[in-house]
Amino acid sequence: MYKIRFGPSGNSESFYADGNKSTEQAGKWLAEKGLDAFEYSFGRGTKMSDEKAEKIREKMSQYDVAISAHAPYYINFANPDDEMIQKSFGYVLSTAEKIRKMGGNRIIFHPASMGKETDRKSVVKRTYDNILRLTEKIYQTGNDDLIFCPETMGKINQIGDFYEVAEFCTIDKIFVPTVDFGHQNARTLGGLKTEEDFEQVIKTFIDAIGIERTRLMHIHFSKIEYSKGGEVKHLTFDTDDFKYGPDFEPLAKIIKKYQMTPRVICESAGSQAEDALKMKQIYEAI
């Protein structure tokens, strides 16, 4: 039975201020705060011992904290060099191996970047074709029991607006979108304000992959500073600059309206656990 879950991406500054030193301690710490999700980042590579992975698995399971993993940032399924595409396949599959040992089942990955190319349509097509090739490798390696989550991206020259991610997710049932609403707000220069704005995003995924997979989507949420190129940097919910959004309450109402059970991961800068709890409180109040 799926349920909505809230938690941070990585460990907050307060986690270490409380005397904790490693992610093996995060399960208990999060549960005591009322959180039940955690995202581990392999952004710089998938080096982790089996012993550490098993310890994380034990503690997260003990405290009912669902864990997901973010694949390395080097992934680019639009790269015209097939050797580099093979490396991207490897990054996704090695993350799948690690998250399985950690007791989770969701792998989040960045789809692609335009680089110096200008024909977005052809770059999106190449990305789609390579994710299709990835799908074959996922089945060949027996990882089709896991969930793979292409992410919406924050910079305009990156591949991954919500229409593109919806298209990638039509490839196979193993794909569930990661919708980063901070990214989407940044790349549209503040385009997410009303319930209707958020609902348009949700409806796009319902039209593409159906209501059931859409209800299970992975969500990243944070306030993000942006410029004409899109994302600049992550902020906190307590930032003094109210120019940048988005706000969570309109999305919370849409989540409730469509009876969604997403995993909501906060990526605030240093206060991700505290801000995840604020989102949970907003949702529960609704």
Protein backbone atom coordinates (compact mmCIF):
# COMPACT_ATOMS: atom_id res chain seq x y z
CA MET A 1 0.00 0.00 0.00
CA TYR A 2 1.53 3.27 -1.13
CA LYS A 3 1.33 6.40 0.97
CA ILE A 4 2.65 9.92 0.62
CA ARG A 5 6.06 10.29 2.26
CA PHE A 6 8.21 13.30 3.08
CA GLY A 7 11.93 13.61 3.68
CA PRO A 8 15.21 15.30 2.73
CA SER A 9 17.78 14.85 0.03
CA GLY A 10 20.92 14.21 2.04
CA ASN A 11 21.53 15.20 5.62
CA SER A 12 20.61 18.63 6.96
CA GLU A 13 23.05 20.86 8.79
CA SER A 14 21.03 20.16 11.94
CA PHE A 15 21.64 16.41 11.54
CA TYR A 16 25.36 17.00 12.07
CA ALA A 17 24.77 19.71 14.67
CA ASP A 18 22.93 17.07 16.71
CA GLY A 19 26.13 15.01 16.82
CA ASN A 20 25.42 12.56 14.01
CA LYS A 21 28.21 11.59 11.66
CA SER A 22 26.90 9.20 9.01
CA THR A 23 23.79 8.30 7.05
CA GLU A 24 23.48 5.07 9.02
CA GLN A 25 22.14 7.29 11.81
CA ALA A 26 19.61 9.12 9.62
CA GLY A 27 16.73 6.64 9.91
CA LYS A 28 16.22 7.13 13.64
CA TRP A 29 16.86 10.89 13.43
CA LEU A 30 14.30 11.36 10.65
CA ALA A 31 11.67 9.15 12.26
CA GLU A 32 11.91 11.11 15.50
CA LYS A 33 11.15 14.26 13.52
CA GLY A 34 8.14 12.69 11.85
CA LEU A 35 9.75 12.12 8.43
CA ASP A 36 9.70 8.86 6.51
CA ALA A 37 11.73 9.30 3.31
CA PHE A 38 15.37 9.95 2.44
CA GLU A 39 17.27 10.42 -0.80
CA TYR A 40 20.93 9.42 -1.02
CA SER A 41 22.98 11.18 -3.67
CA PHE A 42 25.58 9.34 -5.72
CA GLY A 43 26.11 12.59 -7.62
CA ARG A 44 29.90 12.20 -7.79
CA GLY A 45 29.96 8.42 -8.27
CA THR A 46 28.60 5.17 -6.85
CA LYS A 47 31.41 4.24 -4.51
CA MET A 48 29.92 2.67 -1.38
CA SER A 49 30.89 -0.52 0.40
CA ASP A 50 28.36 -3.32 0.68
CA GLU A 51 28.81 -3.14 4.45
CA LYS A 52 27.76 0.51 4.57
CA ALA A 53 24.83 -0.13 2.22
CA GLU A 54 23.58 -2.96 4.41
CA LYS A 55 23.83 -0.84 7.56
CA ILE A 56 21.80 1.90 5.90
CA ARG A 57 19.26 -0.69 4.78
CA GLU A 58 18.92 -2.08 8.30
CA LYS A 59 18.39 1.29 9.96
CA MET A 60 16.09 2.78 7.33
CA SER A 61 13.94 -0.35 7.41
CA GLN A 62 13.86 -0.38 11.22
CA TYR A 63 12.39 3.13 11.29
CA ASP A 64 10.19 2.83 8.16
CA VAL A 65 12.14 5.41 6.18
CA ALA A 66 11.90 4.78 2.42
CA ILE A 67 15.19 5.41 0.65
CA SER A 68 15.82 6.46 -2.95
CA ALA A 69 19.08 7.18 -4.76
CA HIS A 70 20.13 9.92 -7.15
CA ALA A 71 22.39 8.67 -9.93
CA PRO A 72 25.63 10.51 -10.84
CA TYR A 73 25.33 13.97 -12.35
CA TYR A 74 27.58 12.97 -15.28
CA ILE A 75 24.69 11.24 -17.10
CA ASN A 76 23.85 12.72 -20.49
CA PHE A 77 21.72 10.61 -22.80
CA ALA A 78 22.03 13.23 -25.56
CA ASN A 79 25.78 12.85 -25.91
CA PRO A 80 26.62 12.06 -29.58
CA ASP A 81 29.59 9.93 -28.44
CA ASP A 82 28.39 6.36 -27.93
CA GLU A 83 31.25 5.62 -25.55
CA MET A 84 29.89 8.32 -23.26
CA ILE A 85 26.37 6.90 -23.61
CA GLN A 86 27.69 3.54 -22.45
CA LYS A 87 29.11 5.28 -19.38
CA SER A 88 25.70 6.82 -18.71
CA PHE A 89 24.12 3.36 -18.89
CA GLY A 90 26.71 2.21 -16.36
CA TYR A 91 25.99 5.08 -13.97
CA VAL A 92 22.27 4.24 -13.91
CA LEU A 93 22.81 0.50 -13.52
CA SER A 94 25.45 0.87 -10.80
CA THR A 95 23.06 3.15 -8.89
CA ALA A 96 20.39 0.46 -9.24
CA GLU A 97 22.80 -2.08 -7.76
CA LYS A 98 23.55 0.20 -4.80
CA ILE A 99 19.95 1.18 -4.03
CA ARG A 100 18.93 -2.47 -4.06
CA LYS A 101 21.57 -3.18 -1.40
CA MET A 102 20.37 -0.15 0.56
CA GLY A 103 16.81 -1.47 0.58
CA GLY A 104 15.29 1.06 -1.79
CA ASN A 105 13.78 0.81 -5.26
CA ARG A 106 13.89 4.28 -6.86
CA ILE A 107 16.70 5.63 -9.04
CA ILE A 108 16.55 9.31 -10.00
CA PHE A 109 18.58 10.50 -12.98
CA HIS A 110 19.11 13.63 -15.07
CA PRO A 111 18.17 12.96 -18.71
CA ALA A 112 20.48 15.16 -20.78
CA SER A 113 21.90 18.52 -21.73
CA MET A 114 21.86 20.45 -25.01
CA GLY A 115 25.56 21.28 -24.82
CA LYS A 116 26.44 23.47 -27.79
CA GLU A 117 23.71 22.03 -30.01
CA THR A 118 20.81 24.23 -31.09
CA ASP A 119 18.23 21.81 -32.53
CA ARG A 120 16.33 20.87 -29.39
CA LYS A 121 13.95 18.52 -31.21
CA SER A 122 16.78 16.32 -32.50
CA VAL A 123 18.53 16.32 -29.11
CA VAL A 124 15.30 15.25 -27.38
CA LYS A 125 14.88 12.47 -29.97
CA ARG A 126 18.43 11.23 -29.32
CA THR A 127 17.77 11.31 -25.58
CA TYR A 128 14.56 9.33 -26.04
CA ASP A 129 16.31 6.73 -28.21
CA ASN A 130 19.10 6.26 -25.67
CA ILE A 131 16.67 5.93 -22.77
CA LEU A 132 14.96 3.26 -24.88
CA ARG A 133 18.35 1.50 -25.11
CA LEU A 134 18.71 1.92 -21.34
CA THR A 135 15.36 0.18 -20.90
CA GLU A 136 16.66 -2.89 -22.72
CA LYS A 137 19.70 -3.01 -20.44
CA ILE A 138 17.54 -2.65 -17.33
CA TYR A 139 15.53 -5.72 -18.38
CA GLN A 140 18.65 -7.64 -19.42
CA THR A 141 20.22 -7.09 -15.99
CA GLY A 142 17.06 -8.08 -14.11
CA ASN A 143 16.47 -4.61 -12.69
CA ASP A 144 12.97 -4.17 -14.08
CA ASP A 145 11.52 -4.63 -10.58
CA LEU A 146 12.95 -1.21 -9.69
CA ILE A 147 11.58 2.24 -10.52
CA PHE A 148 13.59 4.61 -12.71
CA CYS A 149 12.77 8.29 -12.44
CA PRO A 150 13.96 10.78 -15.09
CA GLU A 151 13.99 14.25 -13.57
CA THR A 152 12.70 17.59 -14.78
CA MET A 153 15.62 20.00 -15.04
CA GLY A 154 16.12 23.60 -13.95
CA LYS A 155 18.20 25.17 -16.72
CA ILE A 156 16.69 26.05 -20.06
CA ASN A 157 19.56 24.42 -22.00
CA GLN A 158 19.00 21.10 -20.20
CA ILE A 159 16.71 18.45 -21.61
CA GLY A 160 13.90 17.81 -19.16
CA ASP A 161 10.93 20.14 -19.12
CA PHE A 162 7.84 18.33 -17.89
CA TYR A 163 6.59 17.60 -21.41
CA GLU A 164 9.90 15.94 -22.31
CA VAL A 165 10.05 13.90 -19.10
CA ALA A 166 6.46 12.80 -19.66
CA GLU A 167 7.47 11.58 -23.13
CA PHE A 168 10.45 9.65 -21.73
CA CYS A 169 8.17 7.96 -19.19
CA THR A 170 5.92 6.61 -21.97
CA ILE A 171 8.76 4.26 -22.97
CA ASP A 172 7.99 1.64 -20.32
CA LYS A 173 6.16 1.02 -17.06
CA ILE A 174 9.47 1.01 -15.15
CA PHE A 175 9.64 4.80 -15.55
CA VAL A 176 7.95 7.14 -13.07
CA PRO A 177 8.72 10.86 -13.32
CA THR A 178 10.74 12.88 -10.87
CA VAL A 179 9.07 16.26 -11.05
CA ASP A 180 11.26 18.93 -9.53
CA PHE A 181 8.82 21.79 -9.11
CA GLY A 182 11.61 24.16 -8.10
CA HIS A 183 13.36 23.33 -11.37
CA GLN A 184 10.18 23.81 -13.38
CA ASN A 185 9.50 27.13 -11.69
CA ALA A 186 13.06 28.26 -12.43
CA ARG A 187 13.06 27.30 -16.10
CA THR A 188 9.72 29.09 -16.58
CA LEU A 189 11.04 32.13 -14.67
CA GLY A 190 8.44 31.87 -11.93
CA GLY A 191 5.67 30.14 -13.85
CA LEU A 192 4.32 28.07 -10.94
CA LYS A 193 2.08 30.20 -8.75
CA THR A 194 -1.54 29.03 -8.74
CA GLU A 195 -3.21 25.67 -8.21
CA GLU A 196 -4.00 25.70 -11.92
CA ASP A 197 -0.30 26.04 -12.77
CA PHE A 198 0.55 22.94 -10.75
CA GLU A 199 -2.48 21.06 -12.02
CA GLN A 200 -1.36 21.59 -15.62
CA VAL A 201 1.86 19.73 -14.81
CA ILE A 202 0.00 16.85 -13.16
CA LYS A 203 -2.51 16.61 -16.01
CA THR A 204 0.32 16.40 -18.55
CA PHE A 205 1.62 13.26 -16.84
CA ILE A 206 -1.86 11.77 -16.44
CA ASP A 207 -2.42 12.21 -20.18
CA ALA A 208 0.95 10.62 -20.97
CA ILE A 209 1.24 7.69 -18.55
CA GLY A 210 -2.11 7.43 -16.76
CA ILE A 211 -3.33 8.31 -13.30
CA GLU A 212 -1.82 5.34 -11.43
CA ARG A 213 1.82 5.96 -12.33
CA THR A 214 1.32 9.71 -11.98
CA ARG A 215 0.06 9.23 -8.43
CA LEU A 216 3.34 7.50 -7.57
CA MET A 217 5.58 10.24 -8.95
CA HIS A 218 8.78 11.26 -7.23
CA ILE A 219 8.78 14.93 -6.25
CA HIS A 220 11.70 17.23 -5.58
CA PHE A 221 10.73 20.52 -4.01
CA SER A 222 12.68 23.59 -2.95
CA LYS A 223 12.74 27.30 -3.55
CA ILE A 224 15.27 28.11 -6.26
CA GLU A 225 16.78 31.38 -7.33
CA TYR A 226 16.69 31.80 -11.11
CA SER A 227 17.86 34.08 -13.90
CA LYS A 228 17.06 34.22 -17.63
CA GLY A 229 18.90 30.89 -18.08
CA GLY A 230 16.84 29.15 -15.40
CA GLU A 231 18.15 27.70 -12.13
CA VAL A 232 20.89 29.56 -10.23
CA LYS A 233 20.91 28.10 -6.71
CA HIS A 234 18.76 26.38 -4.10
CA LEU A 235 17.37 28.49 -1.26
CA THR A 236 15.53 27.69 1.98
CA PHE A 237 11.88 28.14 2.90
CA ASP A 238 12.98 30.90 5.28
CA THR A 239 14.80 32.92 2.65
CA ASP A 240 14.24 36.65 2.97
CA ASP A 241 13.94 37.05 -0.80
CA PHE A 242 10.27 36.39 -1.58
CA LYS A 243 10.81 36.96 -5.29
CA TYR A 244 11.55 33.29 -5.85
CA GLY A 245 9.17 30.40 -5.40
CA PRO A 246 7.48 28.14 -5.69
CA ASP A 247 5.17 27.75 -2.69
CA PHE A 248 4.15 24.25 -1.64
CA GLU A 249 0.54 24.84 -0.57
CA PRO A 250 -0.96 25.04 -4.11
CA LEU A 251 0.77 21.77 -5.02
CA ALA A 252 -0.38 20.14 -1.77
CA LYS A 253 -3.97 20.91 -2.73
CA ILE A 254 -3.50 19.29 -6.14
CA ILE A 255 -1.87 16.24 -4.56
CA LYS A 256 -4.93 15.93 -2.34
CA LYS A 257 -7.35 16.54 -5.23
CA TYR A 258 -5.90 13.72 -7.32
CA GLN A 259 -5.40 11.37 -4.34
CA MET A 260 -1.69 11.12 -5.11
CA THR A 261 0.83 9.17 -3.05
CA PRO A 262 4.16 10.64 -4.14
CA ARG A 263 7.48 10.63 -2.37
CA VAL A 264 8.22 14.29 -1.63
CA ILE A 265 11.93 15.03 -1.25
CA CYS A 266 13.10 18.45 -0.11
CA GLU A 267 16.31 19.89 -1.57
CA SER A 268 16.56 23.12 0.41
CA ALA A 269 20.07 24.44 1.02
CA GLY A 270 20.99 23.04 4.44
CA SER A 271 17.51 22.97 5.97
CA GLN A 272 16.08 20.17 3.86
CA ALA A 273 14.75 18.11 6.79
CA GLU A 274 13.13 21.10 8.47
CA ASP A 275 11.54 22.23 5.21
CA ALA A 276 10.36 18.68 4.43
CA LEU A 277 8.57 18.69 7.77
CA LYS A 278 6.98 22.05 6.93
CA MET A 279 5.64 20.53 3.70
CA LYS A 280 4.24 17.57 5.58
CA GLN A 281 2.49 19.91 8.01
CA ILE A 282 1.04 21.96 5.15
CA TYR A 283 -0.28 18.81 3.48
CA GLU A 284 -1.76 17.43 6.70
CA ALA A 285 -3.48 20.75 7.41
CA ILE A 286 -5.19 20.49 4.02
